[in-house]
Amino acid sequence: MTLVLFAATVTATTTIDAFMDEITILLGPLERIGLLRAADVSLALGLVLRFVPEIFARYQAIREGHRARGLPLRPLTIIGPLIILTLKDADMIALAIDARGFRRQ
């Protein structure tokens, strides 16, 4: 819940592009050392912040679907479909990123 509130606050007060630019600048020294690629890390963090509210909304929809069917609300019956749907979305996003050439080769 804390992550959802943080993501909502950041996305409401700043654009994802500005957020990613700041992360890239902050991670610049680590990139110069060769520990990571700052642009890739900032892209990943930007996507996480962008999609956390959607994942939470999907969780609520799955939970409501269980309630509508009269199924008991057990964490494993909700988390399983949530993980599968989130991984499908992540795969589609990765394909789109690669197709557009955002990441360096």
C-alpha atoms as a PDB file:
ATOM      1  CA  MET A   1       0.000   0.000   0.000  1.00  0.00           C
ATOM      2  CA  THR A   2       2.917   2.321   0.761  1.00  0.00           C
ATOM      3  CA  LEU A   3       4.349   1.720  -2.697  1.00  0.00           C
ATOM      4  CA  VAL A   4       0.978   2.527  -4.280  1.00  0.00           C
ATOM      5  CA  LEU A   5       0.718   5.797  -2.355  1.00  0.00           C
ATOM      6  CA  PHE A   6       4.304   6.725  -3.204  1.00  0.00           C
ATOM      7  CA  ALA A   7       3.736   5.952  -6.883  1.00  0.00           C
ATOM      8  CA  ALA A   8       0.524   7.971  -6.917  1.00  0.00           C
ATOM      9  CA  THR A   9       2.247  10.925  -5.248  1.00  0.00           C
ATOM     10  CA  VAL A  10       5.235  10.887  -7.587  1.00  0.00           C
ATOM     11  CA  THR A  11       3.143  10.476 -10.722  1.00  0.00           C
ATOM     12  CA  ALA A  12       0.752  13.223  -9.623  1.00  0.00           C
ATOM     13  CA  THR A  13       3.509  15.734  -8.941  1.00  0.00           C
ATOM     14  CA  THR A  14       6.004  15.031 -11.724  1.00  0.00           C
ATOM     15  CA  THR A  15       6.120  13.563 -15.196  1.00  0.00           C
ATOM     16  CA  ILE A  16       7.641  10.157 -15.764  1.00  0.00           C
ATOM     17  CA  ASP A  17      10.176  11.709 -18.149  1.00  0.00           C
ATOM     18  CA  ALA A  18      11.370  14.154 -15.492  1.00  0.00           C
ATOM     19  CA  PHE A  19      11.539  11.360 -12.925  1.00  0.00           C
ATOM     20  CA  MET A  20      13.564   9.162 -15.258  1.00  0.00           C
ATOM     21  CA  ASP A  21      15.913  12.043 -16.085  1.00  0.00           C
ATOM     22  CA  GLU A  22      16.591  12.639 -12.391  1.00  0.00           C
ATOM     23  CA  ILE A  23      17.265   8.963 -11.741  1.00  0.00           C
ATOM     24  CA  THR A  24      19.647   8.887 -14.711  1.00  0.00           C
ATOM     25  CA  ILE A  25      21.534  11.893 -13.332  1.00  0.00           C
ATOM     26  CA  LEU A  26      21.680  10.426  -9.822  1.00  0.00           C
ATOM     27  CA  LEU A  27      22.997   7.096 -11.110  1.00  0.00           C
ATOM     28  CA  GLY A  28      25.543   8.721 -13.419  1.00  0.00           C
ATOM     29  CA  PRO A  29      28.531   8.088 -11.101  1.00  0.00           C
ATOM     30  CA  LEU A  30      27.651   4.382 -10.871  1.00  0.00           C
ATOM     31  CA  GLU A  31      27.466   4.197 -14.647  1.00  0.00           C
ATOM     32  CA  ARG A  32      30.889   5.830 -15.012  1.00  0.00           C
ATOM     33  CA  ILE A  33      32.333   3.155 -12.730  1.00  0.00           C
ATOM     34  CA  GLY A  34      30.688   0.514 -14.916  1.00  0.00           C
ATOM     35  CA  LEU A  35      28.329  -0.951 -12.323  1.00  0.00           C
ATOM     36  CA  LEU A  36      25.100  -0.354 -14.234  1.00  0.00           C
ATOM     37  CA  ARG A  37      23.417   1.445 -17.090  1.00  0.00           C
ATOM     38  CA  ALA A  38      21.685   4.473 -15.631  1.00  0.00           C
ATOM     39  CA  ALA A  39      19.206   4.794 -18.510  1.00  0.00           C
ATOM     40  CA  ASP A  40      18.084   1.171 -18.128  1.00  0.00           C
ATOM     41  CA  VAL A  41      17.603   1.521 -14.369  1.00  0.00           C
ATOM     42  CA  SER A  42      15.678   4.768 -14.764  1.00  0.00           C
ATOM     43  CA  LEU A  43      13.466   3.169 -17.425  1.00  0.00           C
ATOM     44  CA  ALA A  44      12.743   0.232 -15.126  1.00  0.00           C
ATOM     45  CA  LEU A  45      11.907   2.500 -12.170  1.00  0.00           C
ATOM     46  CA  GLY A  46       9.759   4.728 -14.347  1.00  0.00           C
ATOM     47  CA  LEU A  47       7.796   1.738 -15.592  1.00  0.00           C
ATOM     48  CA  VAL A  48       7.334   0.388 -12.085  1.00  0.00           C
ATOM     49  CA  LEU A  49       5.964   3.706 -10.862  1.00  0.00           C
ATOM     50  CA  ARG A  50       3.745   3.967 -13.910  1.00  0.00           C
ATOM     51  CA  PHE A  51       2.245   0.488 -13.551  1.00  0.00           C
ATOM     52  CA  VAL A  52       1.952   0.028  -9.766  1.00  0.00           C
ATOM     53  CA  PRO A  53      -1.485   1.723  -9.687  1.00  0.00           C
ATOM     54  CA  GLU A  54      -2.648  -0.501 -12.565  1.00  0.00           C
ATOM     55  CA  ILE A  55      -1.425  -3.629 -10.816  1.00  0.00           C
ATOM     56  CA  PHE A  56      -3.286  -2.561  -7.690  1.00  0.00           C
ATOM     57  CA  ALA A  57      -6.446  -1.968  -9.748  1.00  0.00           C
ATOM     58  CA  ARG A  58      -6.061  -5.418 -11.311  1.00  0.00           C
ATOM     59  CA  TYR A  59      -5.681  -6.907  -7.813  1.00  0.00           C
ATOM     60  CA  GLN A  60      -8.941  -5.263  -6.764  1.00  0.00           C
ATOM     61  CA  ALA A  61     -10.697  -6.562  -9.885  1.00  0.00           C
ATOM     62  CA  ILE A  62      -9.519 -10.121  -9.238  1.00  0.00           C
ATOM     63  CA  ARG A  63     -10.603  -9.847  -5.611  1.00  0.00           C
ATOM     64  CA  GLU A  64     -14.042  -8.583  -6.639  1.00  0.00           C
ATOM     65  CA  GLY A  65     -14.311 -11.420  -9.179  1.00  0.00           C
ATOM     66  CA  HIS A  66     -13.670 -13.920  -6.399  1.00  0.00           C
ATOM     67  CA  ARG A  67     -16.301 -12.284  -4.239  1.00  0.00           C
ATOM     68  CA  ALA A  68     -18.832 -12.277  -7.085  1.00  0.00           C
ATOM     69  CA  ARG A  69     -18.295 -16.001  -7.617  1.00  0.00           C
ATOM     70  CA  GLY A  70     -18.585 -16.679  -3.902  1.00  0.00           C
ATOM     71  CA  LEU A  71     -15.041 -17.993  -3.657  1.00  0.00           C
ATOM     72  CA  PRO A  72     -13.122 -17.572  -0.419  1.00  0.00           C
ATOM     73  CA  LEU A  73     -10.571 -14.756  -0.407  1.00  0.00           C
ATOM     74  CA  ARG A  74      -7.297 -16.601  -0.005  1.00  0.00           C
ATOM     75  CA  PRO A  75      -4.027 -14.878  -0.901  1.00  0.00           C
ATOM     76  CA  LEU A  76      -2.827 -17.680  -3.179  1.00  0.00           C
ATOM     77  CA  THR A  77      -6.009 -17.644  -5.263  1.00  0.00           C
ATOM     78  CA  ILE A  78      -5.593 -13.920  -5.872  1.00  0.00           C
ATOM     79  CA  ILE A  79      -1.827 -13.614  -6.163  1.00  0.00           C
ATOM     80  CA  GLY A  80      -1.478 -16.402  -8.741  1.00  0.00           C
ATOM     81  CA  PRO A  81      -3.639 -14.763 -11.438  1.00  0.00           C
ATOM     82  CA  LEU A  82      -2.205 -11.353 -10.552  1.00  0.00           C
ATOM     83  CA  ILE A  83       1.355 -12.540 -11.124  1.00  0.00           C
ATOM     84  CA  ILE A  84       0.436 -14.235 -14.401  1.00  0.00           C
ATOM     85  CA  LEU A  85      -1.344 -11.144 -15.759  1.00  0.00           C
ATOM     86  CA  THR A  86       1.457  -8.844 -14.607  1.00  0.00           C
ATOM     87  CA  LEU A  87       4.124 -11.021 -16.250  1.00  0.00           C
ATOM     88  CA  LYS A  88       2.131 -11.053 -19.493  1.00  0.00           C
ATOM     89  CA  ASP A  89       2.006  -7.251 -19.402  1.00  0.00           C
ATOM     90  CA  ALA A  90       5.723  -7.062 -18.607  1.00  0.00           C
ATOM     91  CA  ASP A  91       6.500  -9.297 -21.570  1.00  0.00           C
ATOM     92  CA  MET A  92       4.428  -7.114 -23.905  1.00  0.00           C
ATOM     93  CA  ILE A  93       6.114  -3.966 -22.574  1.00  0.00           C
ATOM     94  CA  ALA A  94       9.566  -5.514 -23.037  1.00  0.00           C
ATOM     95  CA  LEU A  95       8.699  -6.396 -26.627  1.00  0.00           C
ATOM     96  CA  ALA A  96       7.494  -2.843 -27.262  1.00  0.00           C
ATOM     97  CA  ILE A  97      10.659  -1.376 -25.732  1.00  0.00           C
ATOM     98  CA  ASP A  98      12.868  -3.608 -27.864  1.00  0.00           C
ATOM     99  CA  ALA A  99      10.846  -2.900 -31.011  1.00  0.00           C
ATOM    100  CA  ARG A 100      11.237   0.839 -30.493  1.00  0.00           C
ATOM    101  CA  GLY A 101      14.941   0.558 -29.707  1.00  0.00           C
ATOM    102  CA  PHE A 102      14.827   2.433 -26.390  1.00  0.00           C
ATOM    103  CA  ARG A 103      17.541   0.340 -24.805  1.00  0.00           C
ATOM    104  CA  ARG A 104      21.114   0.391 -25.980  1.00  0.00           C
ATOM    105  CA  GLN A 105      22.406  -2.806 -27.530  1.00  0.00           C
END
